[in-house]
Amino acid sequence: MSTSTTLKSTVLPTSLPRWTYYSLFHIIGGTTGTPIVIRATKSWYKRIDLPSWTPPNFVFAPVWTLLYGLMGVSVSRIIKAGAKNNNALNLWTLHYILNLSWAPIFFGFQYLRLGLIINVALISTLVVTLKQFFYIDPIAAYLQVPYLLWLLYATKLNQAICKLNPTVGGINEARLQADLCADGDGYNDAMLEYDIAKLQKAAANYADL
């Protein structure tokens, strides 16, 4: 067998399936908020009250990578079906922008209630979008079901966090803890003073019982 024949037999395909590019686009877009999330989960997020069923931080990255990948496959099927300028894709674009805005709002600015509103809007727009997708390509809609289930869970979690950390006087516990963490890395003097005051208040309330 000649060398040229051997090379031809071992050449790998240079083209990837179309859905790969759409998945990569959605995944890369989703990573834009990753630095904000990492910074928050290593600082103020772990100091606020969270429900007992809050998932560990390491779960978020693989879950969202999978979900964004499925989003790309779903959208690629809609485009492949020839629906390049229809309401379904316009709705999806709006939904995706809302999706990317949540991390900066919740983790970046500590707007917990606004984050909850965005989550509700995400569920609403996704349900409408998936109805459109279903008429074009049912499989494209089914691919988004895991994402819808995760959104429902995330919205319930956001609601619980809001309840545990209510906004009083225009500020919530998340914003307060973020300000404390801004004074320095790790456990700083500002945090110590705050925790002592919190313990004293709890002790005083207990003594009044």
C-alpha atoms as a PDB file:
ATOM      1  CA  MET A   1       0.000   0.000   0.000  1.00  0.00           C
ATOM      2  CA  SER A   2       1.402   3.408  -0.973  1.00  0.00           C
ATOM      3  CA  THR A   3       1.936   6.230   1.495  1.00  0.00           C
ATOM      4  CA  SER A   4      -0.727   8.383  -0.176  1.00  0.00           C
ATOM      5  CA  THR A   5      -3.263   5.568   0.094  1.00  0.00           C
ATOM      6  CA  THR A   6      -2.468   5.144   3.787  1.00  0.00           C
ATOM      7  CA  LEU A   7      -2.970   8.850   4.461  1.00  0.00           C
ATOM      8  CA  LYS A   8      -6.291   8.890   2.648  1.00  0.00           C
ATOM      9  CA  SER A   9      -7.510   5.970   4.703  1.00  0.00           C
ATOM     10  CA  THR A  10      -6.619   7.693   7.974  1.00  0.00           C
ATOM     11  CA  VAL A  11      -7.860  11.221   7.213  1.00  0.00           C
ATOM     12  CA  LEU A  12     -10.446  12.365   9.759  1.00  0.00           C
ATOM     13  CA  PRO A  13     -13.571  14.205   8.599  1.00  0.00           C
ATOM     14  CA  THR A  14     -13.024  17.954   8.674  1.00  0.00           C
ATOM     15  CA  SER A  15     -16.665  18.973   8.941  1.00  0.00           C
ATOM     16  CA  LEU A  16     -18.663  18.757  12.133  1.00  0.00           C
ATOM     17  CA  PRO A  17     -22.421  18.294  12.405  1.00  0.00           C
ATOM     18  CA  ARG A  18     -24.274  21.573  12.154  1.00  0.00           C
ATOM     19  CA  TRP A  19     -25.688  21.273  15.661  1.00  0.00           C
ATOM     20  CA  THR A  20     -22.146  21.335  17.068  1.00  0.00           C
ATOM     21  CA  TYR A  21     -21.676  24.976  16.110  1.00  0.00           C
ATOM     22  CA  TYR A  22     -25.013  26.021  17.567  1.00  0.00           C
ATOM     23  CA  SER A  23     -24.260  24.161  20.789  1.00  0.00           C
ATOM     24  CA  LEU A  24     -20.836  25.789  21.073  1.00  0.00           C
ATOM     25  CA  PHE A  25     -22.397  29.202  20.477  1.00  0.00           C
ATOM     26  CA  HIS A  26     -24.918  28.696  23.280  1.00  0.00           C
ATOM     27  CA  ILE A  27     -22.329  27.242  25.658  1.00  0.00           C
ATOM     28  CA  ILE A  28     -19.844  30.054  25.040  1.00  0.00           C
ATOM     29  CA  GLY A  29     -22.594  32.623  25.503  1.00  0.00           C
ATOM     30  CA  GLY A  30     -23.547  30.976  28.771  1.00  0.00           C
ATOM     31  CA  THR A  31     -19.993  31.239  30.084  1.00  0.00           C
ATOM     32  CA  THR A  32     -20.081  35.044  29.944  1.00  0.00           C
ATOM     33  CA  GLY A  33     -21.588  35.095  33.419  1.00  0.00           C
ATOM     34  CA  THR A  34     -19.283  32.412  34.834  1.00  0.00           C
ATOM     35  CA  PRO A  35     -16.716  34.803  36.411  1.00  0.00           C
ATOM     36  CA  ILE A  36     -19.539  36.624  38.207  1.00  0.00           C
ATOM     37  CA  VAL A  37     -21.019  33.378  39.512  1.00  0.00           C
ATOM     38  CA  ILE A  38     -17.655  32.026  40.691  1.00  0.00           C
ATOM     39  CA  ARG A  39     -16.821  35.261  42.500  1.00  0.00           C
ATOM     40  CA  ALA A  40     -20.209  35.307  44.222  1.00  0.00           C
ATOM     41  CA  THR A  41     -20.258  31.645  45.266  1.00  0.00           C
ATOM     42  CA  LYS A  42     -16.831  32.070  46.839  1.00  0.00           C
ATOM     43  CA  SER A  43     -17.875  35.143  48.815  1.00  0.00           C
ATOM     44  CA  TRP A  44     -21.302  36.511  49.783  1.00  0.00           C
ATOM     45  CA  TYR A  45     -23.428  33.626  48.442  1.00  0.00           C
ATOM     46  CA  LYS A  46     -22.037  31.163  51.005  1.00  0.00           C
ATOM     47  CA  ARG A  47     -22.724  33.611  53.861  1.00  0.00           C
ATOM     48  CA  ILE A  48     -26.435  34.167  53.276  1.00  0.00           C
ATOM     49  CA  ASP A  49     -29.250  31.868  54.403  1.00  0.00           C
ATOM     50  CA  LEU A  50     -29.956  29.193  51.786  1.00  0.00           C
ATOM     51  CA  PRO A  51     -32.608  26.448  51.756  1.00  0.00           C
ATOM     52  CA  SER A  52     -31.422  22.982  52.777  1.00  0.00           C
ATOM     53  CA  TRP A  53     -32.064  21.681  49.251  1.00  0.00           C
ATOM     54  CA  THR A  54     -29.682  24.150  47.588  1.00  0.00           C
ATOM     55  CA  PRO A  55     -27.425  22.171  45.210  1.00  0.00           C
ATOM     56  CA  PRO A  56     -23.650  22.225  45.786  1.00  0.00           C
ATOM     57  CA  ASN A  57     -21.788  24.769  43.685  1.00  0.00           C
ATOM     58  CA  PHE A  58     -19.982  22.143  41.598  1.00  0.00           C
ATOM     59  CA  VAL A  59     -23.319  21.043  40.108  1.00  0.00           C
ATOM     60  CA  PHE A  60     -23.951  24.266  38.210  1.00  0.00           C
ATOM     61  CA  ALA A  61     -21.175  24.063  35.605  1.00  0.00           C
ATOM     62  CA  PRO A  62     -21.917  20.561  34.219  1.00  0.00           C
ATOM     63  CA  VAL A  63     -25.686  21.072  34.365  1.00  0.00           C
ATOM     64  CA  TRP A  64     -25.598  24.363  32.480  1.00  0.00           C
ATOM     65  CA  THR A  65     -23.078  23.041  29.956  1.00  0.00           C
ATOM     66  CA  LEU A  66     -25.426  20.175  29.159  1.00  0.00           C
ATOM     67  CA  LEU A  67     -28.478  22.433  28.987  1.00  0.00           C
ATOM     68  CA  TYR A  68     -26.802  25.007  26.741  1.00  0.00           C
ATOM     69  CA  GLY A  69     -25.600  22.194  24.507  1.00  0.00           C
ATOM     70  CA  LEU A  70     -29.147  20.854  24.196  1.00  0.00           C
ATOM     71  CA  MET A  71     -30.369  24.371  23.427  1.00  0.00           C
ATOM     72  CA  GLY A  72     -27.973  24.497  20.482  1.00  0.00           C
ATOM     73  CA  VAL A  73     -29.118  21.137  19.123  1.00  0.00           C
ATOM     74  CA  SER A  74     -32.739  22.226  19.461  1.00  0.00           C
ATOM     75  CA  VAL A  75     -32.232  25.528  17.663  1.00  0.00           C
ATOM     76  CA  SER A  76     -30.200  23.866  14.903  1.00  0.00           C
ATOM     77  CA  ARG A  77     -33.125  21.565  14.166  1.00  0.00           C
ATOM     78  CA  ILE A  78     -35.506  24.516  13.907  1.00  0.00           C
ATOM     79  CA  ILE A  79     -33.163  26.295  11.491  1.00  0.00           C
ATOM     80  CA  LYS A  80     -32.602  23.095   9.518  1.00  0.00           C
ATOM     81  CA  ALA A  81     -36.373  22.811   9.124  1.00  0.00           C
ATOM     82  CA  GLY A  82     -36.208  26.068   7.165  1.00  0.00           C
ATOM     83  CA  ALA A  83     -37.651  28.334   9.836  1.00  0.00           C
ATOM     84  CA  LYS A  84     -34.974  31.030   9.688  1.00  0.00           C
ATOM     85  CA  ASN A  85     -37.124  34.109  10.181  1.00  0.00           C
ATOM     86  CA  ASN A  86     -40.154  32.985  12.140  1.00  0.00           C
ATOM     87  CA  ASN A  87     -41.648  33.880  15.469  1.00  0.00           C
ATOM     88  CA  ALA A  88     -40.150  30.821  17.137  1.00  0.00           C
ATOM     89  CA  LEU A  89     -36.575  32.003  16.620  1.00  0.00           C
ATOM     90  CA  ASN A  90     -37.461  35.579  17.541  1.00  0.00           C
ATOM     91  CA  LEU A  91     -38.983  34.318  20.791  1.00  0.00           C
ATOM     92  CA  TRP A  92     -35.946  32.137  21.416  1.00  0.00           C
ATOM     93  CA  THR A  93     -33.589  35.090  20.909  1.00  0.00           C
ATOM     94  CA  LEU A  94     -35.538  37.097  23.493  1.00  0.00           C
ATOM     95  CA  HIS A  95     -35.492  34.152  25.879  1.00  0.00           C
ATOM     96  CA  TYR A  96     -31.761  33.575  25.479  1.00  0.00           C
ATOM     97  CA  ILE A  97     -31.010  37.239  26.201  1.00  0.00           C
ATOM     98  CA  LEU A  98     -33.125  36.991  29.363  1.00  0.00           C
ATOM     99  CA  ASN A  99     -31.236  33.849  30.308  1.00  0.00           C
ATOM    100  CA  LEU A 100     -27.857  35.575  30.004  1.00  0.00           C
ATOM    101  CA  SER A 101     -29.075  38.554  32.041  1.00  0.00           C
ATOM    102  CA  TRP A 102     -29.963  36.507  35.122  1.00  0.00           C
ATOM    103  CA  ALA A 103     -26.448  35.816  36.446  1.00  0.00           C
ATOM    104  CA  PRO A 104     -25.323  39.488  36.427  1.00  0.00           C
ATOM    105  CA  ILE A 105     -28.604  40.548  38.051  1.00  0.00           C
ATOM    106  CA  PHE A 106     -28.694  37.891  40.776  1.00  0.00           C
ATOM    107  CA  PHE A 107     -25.032  37.175  41.453  1.00  0.00           C
ATOM    108  CA  GLY A 108     -23.488  40.418  40.227  1.00  0.00           C
ATOM    109  CA  PHE A 109     -25.831  43.054  41.664  1.00  0.00           C
ATOM    110  CA  GLN A 110     -27.531  40.895  44.328  1.00  0.00           C
ATOM    111  CA  TYR A 111     -30.992  41.880  43.029  1.00  0.00           C
ATOM    112  CA  LEU A 112     -32.664  38.756  44.375  1.00  0.00           C
ATOM    113  CA  ARG A 113     -36.269  39.767  43.689  1.00  0.00           C
ATOM    114  CA  LEU A 114     -35.478  41.025  40.191  1.00  0.00           C
ATOM    115  CA  GLY A 115     -33.746  37.702  39.576  1.00  0.00           C
ATOM    116  CA  LEU A 116     -36.972  35.960  40.589  1.00  0.00           C
ATOM    117  CA  ILE A 117     -38.965  38.111  38.160  1.00  0.00           C
ATOM    118  CA  ILE A 118     -36.548  37.202  35.374  1.00  0.00           C
ATOM    119  CA  ASN A 119     -36.907  33.514  36.241  1.00  0.00           C
ATOM    120  CA  VAL A 120     -40.687  33.749  35.955  1.00  0.00           C
ATOM    121  CA  ALA A 121     -40.277  35.528  32.615  1.00  0.00           C
ATOM    122  CA  LEU A 122     -37.902  32.780  31.484  1.00  0.00           C
ATOM    123  CA  ILE A 123     -40.460  30.081  32.236  1.00  0.00           C
ATOM    124  CA  SER A 124     -43.230  32.020  30.499  1.00  0.00           C
ATOM    125  CA  THR A 125     -41.242  32.762  27.345  1.00  0.00           C
ATOM    126  CA  LEU A 126     -39.854  29.223  27.191  1.00  0.00           C
ATOM    127  CA  VAL A 127     -43.295  27.631  27.343  1.00  0.00           C
ATOM    128  CA  VAL A 128     -44.513  29.857  24.499  1.00  0.00           C
ATOM    129  CA  THR A 129     -41.353  29.220  22.494  1.00  0.00           C
ATOM    130  CA  LEU A 130     -41.533  25.453  22.907  1.00  0.00           C
ATOM    131  CA  LYS A 131     -45.094  25.444  21.623  1.00  0.00           C
ATOM    132  CA  GLN A 132     -43.783  27.133  18.474  1.00  0.00           C
ATOM    133  CA  PHE A 133     -40.880  24.691  18.280  1.00  0.00           C
ATOM    134  CA  PHE A 134     -43.219  21.726  18.632  1.00  0.00           C
ATOM    135  CA  TYR A 135     -45.225  22.746  15.561  1.00  0.00           C
ATOM    136  CA  ILE A 136     -42.001  22.919  13.526  1.00  0.00           C
ATOM    137  CA  ASP A 137     -40.050  19.972  14.978  1.00  0.00           C
ATOM    138  CA  PRO A 138     -41.330  18.063  18.042  1.00  0.00           C
ATOM    139  CA  ILE A 139     -37.872  16.685  18.837  1.00  0.00           C
ATOM    140  CA  ALA A 140     -36.526  20.247  19.056  1.00  0.00           C
ATOM    141  CA  ALA A 141     -39.124  20.959  21.737  1.00  0.00           C
ATOM    142  CA  TYR A 142     -38.458  17.723  23.648  1.00  0.00           C
ATOM    143  CA  LEU A 143     -34.739  18.550  23.781  1.00  0.00           C
ATOM    144  CA  GLN A 144     -35.609  21.602  25.883  1.00  0.00           C
ATOM    145  CA  VAL A 145     -37.651  19.708  28.500  1.00  0.00           C
ATOM    146  CA  PRO A 146     -34.645  19.194  30.840  1.00  0.00           C
ATOM    147  CA  TYR A 147     -34.015  22.937  30.663  1.00  0.00           C
ATOM    148  CA  LEU A 148     -37.648  23.694  31.522  1.00  0.00           C
ATOM    149  CA  LEU A 149     -37.484  21.362  34.537  1.00  0.00           C
ATOM    150  CA  TRP A 150     -34.267  23.006  35.713  1.00  0.00           C
ATOM    151  CA  LEU A 151     -35.836  26.458  35.320  1.00  0.00           C
ATOM    152  CA  LEU A 152     -38.770  25.421  37.487  1.00  0.00           C
ATOM    153  CA  TYR A 153     -36.367  24.199  40.150  1.00  0.00           C
ATOM    154  CA  ALA A 154     -34.159  27.305  39.879  1.00  0.00           C
ATOM    155  CA  THR A 155     -37.190  29.589  40.187  1.00  0.00           C
ATOM    156  CA  LYS A 156     -38.342  27.796  43.330  1.00  0.00           C
ATOM    157  CA  LEU A 157     -34.810  28.104  44.723  1.00  0.00           C
ATOM    158  CA  ASN A 158     -34.694  31.815  43.870  1.00  0.00           C
ATOM    159  CA  GLN A 159     -38.045  32.310  45.602  1.00  0.00           C
ATOM    160  CA  ALA A 160     -36.819  30.509  48.735  1.00  0.00           C
ATOM    161  CA  ILE A 161     -33.653  32.616  48.843  1.00  0.00           C
ATOM    162  CA  CYS A 162     -35.735  35.790  48.583  1.00  0.00           C
ATOM    163  CA  LYS A 163     -37.888  34.614  51.479  1.00  0.00           C
ATOM    164  CA  LEU A 164     -34.870  33.789  53.638  1.00  0.00           C
ATOM    165  CA  ASN A 165     -33.152  37.077  52.766  1.00  0.00           C
ATOM    166  CA  PRO A 166     -35.908  39.718  52.561  1.00  0.00           C
ATOM    167  CA  THR A 167     -35.237  43.233  51.359  1.00  0.00           C
ATOM    168  CA  VAL A 168     -35.531  45.736  54.198  1.00  0.00           C
ATOM    169  CA  GLY A 169     -34.969  49.427  53.640  1.00  0.00           C
ATOM    170  CA  GLY A 170     -33.852  48.818  50.066  1.00  0.00           C
ATOM    171  CA  ILE A 171     -31.130  46.333  51.023  1.00  0.00           C
ATOM    172  CA  ASN A 172     -31.079  42.568  51.480  1.00  0.00           C
ATOM    173  CA  GLU A 173     -28.682  40.219  53.229  1.00  0.00           C
ATOM    174  CA  ALA A 174     -26.981  39.351  49.951  1.00  0.00           C
ATOM    175  CA  ARG A 175     -26.127  42.980  49.232  1.00  0.00           C
ATOM    176  CA  LEU A 176     -24.939  43.464  52.802  1.00  0.00           C
ATOM    177  CA  GLN A 177     -22.708  40.400  52.667  1.00  0.00           C
ATOM    178  CA  ALA A 178     -21.333  41.475  49.289  1.00  0.00           C
ATOM    179  CA  ASP A 179     -20.361  44.821  50.820  1.00  0.00           C
ATOM    180  CA  LEU A 180     -18.655  43.031  53.720  1.00  0.00           C
ATOM    181  CA  CYS A 181     -16.752  40.757  51.343  1.00  0.00           C
ATOM    182  CA  ALA A 182     -15.592  43.790  49.385  1.00  0.00           C
ATOM    183  CA  ASP A 183     -13.476  44.836  52.378  1.00  0.00           C
ATOM    184  CA  GLY A 184     -10.993  42.060  51.688  1.00  0.00           C
ATOM    185  CA  ASP A 185     -10.459  38.455  50.742  1.00  0.00           C
ATOM    186  CA  GLY A 186     -11.330  35.712  53.187  1.00  0.00           C
ATOM    187  CA  TYR A 187     -12.809  36.312  56.606  1.00  0.00           C
ATOM    188  CA  ASN A 188     -12.109  39.962  57.401  1.00  0.00           C
ATOM    189  CA  ASP A 189     -12.668  42.279  60.368  1.00  0.00           C
ATOM    190  CA  ALA A 190     -15.914  43.652  58.931  1.00  0.00           C
ATOM    191  CA  MET A 191     -17.363  40.144  58.760  1.00  0.00           C
ATOM    192  CA  LEU A 192     -16.234  39.399  62.297  1.00  0.00           C
ATOM    193  CA  GLU A 193     -17.906  42.529  63.666  1.00  0.00           C
ATOM    194  CA  TYR A 194     -21.087  41.748  61.762  1.00  0.00           C
ATOM    195  CA  ASP A 195     -21.195  38.134  62.975  1.00  0.00           C
ATOM    196  CA  ILE A 196     -20.620  39.199  66.591  1.00  0.00           C
ATOM    197  CA  ALA A 197     -23.436  41.737  66.364  1.00  0.00           C
ATOM    198  CA  LYS A 198     -25.685  39.100  64.812  1.00  0.00           C
ATOM    199  CA  LEU A 199     -24.924  36.638  67.608  1.00  0.00           C
ATOM    200  CA  GLN A 200     -25.566  39.316  70.235  1.00  0.00           C
ATOM    201  CA  LYS A 201     -28.921  40.119  68.655  1.00  0.00           C
ATOM    202  CA  ALA A 202     -29.852  36.439  68.549  1.00  0.00           C
ATOM    203  CA  ALA A 203     -28.833  36.020  72.197  1.00  0.00           C
ATOM    204  CA  ALA A 204     -30.915  39.045  73.190  1.00  0.00           C
ATOM    205  CA  ASN A 205     -33.957  37.672  71.370  1.00  0.00           C
ATOM    206  CA  TYR A 206     -33.452  34.294  73.045  1.00  0.00           C
ATOM    207  CA  ALA A 207     -33.200  35.958  76.487  1.00  0.00           C
ATOM    208  CA  ASP A 208     -36.552  37.687  75.896  1.00  0.00           C
ATOM    209  CA  LEU A 209     -38.322  34.369  75.390  1.00  0.00           C
END
